[in-house]
C-alpha atoms as a PDB file:
ATOM      1  CA  MET A   1      14.843  -6.872  -4.866  1.00  0.00           C
ATOM      2  CA  LEU A   2      11.408  -5.727  -3.767  1.00  0.00           C
ATOM      3  CA  LYS A   3       9.862  -8.919  -5.133  1.00  0.00           C
ATOM      4  CA  ILE A   4      12.304 -11.069  -3.156  1.00  0.00           C
ATOM      5  CA  PHE A   5      11.601  -9.069  -0.003  1.00  0.00           C
ATOM      6  CA  SER A   6       7.841  -9.416  -0.420  1.00  0.00           C
ATOM      7  CA  ILE A   7       8.131 -13.177  -0.996  1.00  0.00           C
ATOM      8  CA  LEU A   8      10.312 -13.534   2.077  1.00  0.00           C
ATOM      9  CA  PHE A   9       7.942 -11.447   4.184  1.00  0.00           C
ATOM     10  CA  SER A  10       4.919 -13.427   2.965  1.00  0.00           C
ATOM     11  CA  SER A  11       6.653 -16.701   3.744  1.00  0.00           C
ATOM     12  CA  LEU A  12       7.545 -15.587   7.243  1.00  0.00           C
ATOM     13  CA  LEU A  13       4.005 -14.381   7.814  1.00  0.00           C
ATOM     14  CA  LEU A  14       2.548 -17.689   6.669  1.00  0.00           C
ATOM     15  CA  ILE A  15       4.913 -19.690   8.860  1.00  0.00           C
ATOM     16  CA  SER A  16       4.134 -17.573  11.909  1.00  0.00           C
ATOM     17  CA  ILE A  17       0.403 -17.918  11.277  1.00  0.00           C
ATOM     18  CA  LEU A  18       0.659 -21.680  10.952  1.00  0.00           C
ATOM     19  CA  TYR A  19       2.527 -21.952  14.223  1.00  0.00           C
ATOM     20  CA  ALA A  20       0.255 -19.460  15.987  1.00  0.00           C
ATOM     21  CA  GLY A  21      -2.548 -21.882  15.482  1.00  0.00           C
ATOM     22  CA  GLU A  22      -5.894 -21.669  17.105  1.00  0.00           C
ATOM     23  CA  ASN A  23      -6.661 -17.981  17.644  1.00  0.00           C
ATOM     24  CA  PHE A  24      -8.127 -17.130  14.267  1.00  0.00           C
ATOM     25  CA  SER A  25     -10.156 -14.209  15.622  1.00  0.00           C
ATOM     26  CA  GLU A  26      -7.005 -12.106  15.887  1.00  0.00           C
ATOM     27  CA  MET A  27      -6.118 -12.589  12.220  1.00  0.00           C
ATOM     28  CA  SER A  28      -7.255 -10.296   9.452  1.00  0.00           C
ATOM     29  CA  THR A  29      -9.680 -11.586   6.851  1.00  0.00           C
ATOM     30  CA  GLN A  30      -6.940 -11.451   4.229  1.00  0.00           C
ATOM     31  CA  GLU A  31      -4.683 -13.580   6.436  1.00  0.00           C
ATOM     32  CA  LEU A  32      -7.442 -16.143   6.912  1.00  0.00           C
ATOM     33  CA  ILE A  33      -8.094 -16.327   3.183  1.00  0.00           C
ATOM     34  CA  SER A  34      -4.382 -16.729   2.478  1.00  0.00           C
ATOM     35  CA  ILE A  35      -4.047 -19.768   4.764  1.00  0.00           C
ATOM     36  CA  MET A  36      -7.066 -21.625   3.408  1.00  0.00           C
ATOM     37  CA  GLY A  37      -5.893 -25.146   2.711  1.00  0.00           C
ATOM     38  CA  TYR A  38      -2.995 -24.960   5.175  1.00  0.00           C
ATOM     39  CA  VAL A  39      -4.882 -25.164   8.474  1.00  0.00           C
ATOM     40  CA  LYS A  40      -4.358 -28.312  10.522  1.00  0.00           C
ATOM     41  CA  LYS A  41      -7.330 -30.664  10.660  1.00  0.00           C
ATOM     42  CA  ASP A  42      -7.544 -30.214  14.436  1.00  0.00           C
ATOM     43  CA  ASN A  43      -8.236 -26.497  13.963  1.00  0.00           C
ATOM     44  CA  LEU A  44     -10.297 -26.692  10.792  1.00  0.00           C
ATOM     45  CA  GLU A  45     -13.751 -26.322  12.375  1.00  0.00           C
ATOM     46  CA  LYS A  46     -12.724 -23.204  14.341  1.00  0.00           C
ATOM     47  CA  PHE A  47     -11.150 -21.823  11.196  1.00  0.00           C
ATOM     48  CA  LYS A  48     -14.262 -22.424   9.091  1.00  0.00           C
ATOM     49  CA  LYS A  49     -16.540 -20.819  11.702  1.00  0.00           C
ATOM     50  CA  GLU A  50     -14.358 -17.714  11.955  1.00  0.00           C
ATOM     51  CA  LEU A  51     -14.096 -17.347   8.206  1.00  0.00           C
ATOM     52  CA  GLU A  52     -17.817 -17.890   7.619  1.00  0.00           C
ATOM     53  CA  SER A  53     -18.670 -15.268  10.242  1.00  0.00           C
ATOM     54  CA  ARG A  54     -16.705 -12.705   8.232  1.00  0.00           C
ATOM     55  CA  VAL A  55     -18.248 -13.334   4.815  1.00  0.00           C
ATOM     56  CA  VAL A  56     -20.987 -10.709   5.291  1.00  0.00           C
ATOM     57  CA  ASN A  57     -18.383  -7.984   5.913  1.00  0.00           C
ATOM     58  CA  MET A  58     -15.938  -8.957   3.165  1.00  0.00           C
ATOM     59  CA  SER A  59     -15.115  -6.602   0.329  1.00  0.00           C
ATOM     60  CA  GLU A  60     -15.761  -7.792  -3.219  1.00  0.00           C
ATOM     61  CA  ALA A  61     -12.063  -8.608  -3.674  1.00  0.00           C
ATOM     62  CA  GLU A  62     -12.028 -10.636  -0.455  1.00  0.00           C
ATOM     63  CA  LYS A  63     -15.200 -12.500  -1.464  1.00  0.00           C
ATOM     64  CA  LYS A  64     -13.657 -13.320  -4.823  1.00  0.00           C
ATOM     65  CA  ALA A  65     -10.477 -14.677  -3.168  1.00  0.00           C
ATOM     66  CA  TYR A  66     -12.587 -16.530  -0.583  1.00  0.00           C
ATOM     67  CA  LYS A  67     -14.678 -18.253  -3.260  1.00  0.00           C
ATOM     68  CA  LYS A  68     -11.561 -19.073  -5.262  1.00  0.00           C
ATOM     69  CA  ASN A  69      -9.888 -20.740  -2.248  1.00  0.00           C
ATOM     70  CA  LEU A  70     -13.029 -22.342  -0.823  1.00  0.00           C
ATOM     71  CA  GLN A  71     -12.332 -25.632  -2.583  1.00  0.00           C
ATOM     72  CA  LYS A  72      -9.093 -25.981  -0.595  1.00  0.00           C
ATOM     73  CA  ILE A  73     -10.882 -26.476   2.723  1.00  0.00           C
ATOM     74  CA  LYS A  74     -13.586 -28.936   1.700  1.00  0.00           C
END
């Protein structure tokens, strides 16, 4: 039951982020990493700039996830 709830919550979060669109500065670093590959082409440059500005402050786990998903946005 908990697994279903977490999947549902994650799906709703992703959908709301995709519709929220252009204000990436209000998202957490984990949220940005999770939507790599799903950002509309119109917003991709803003997204990349915001994400790249956060790399220096990322934890090791976030850097690992960032590097893993980096291929999705190129």
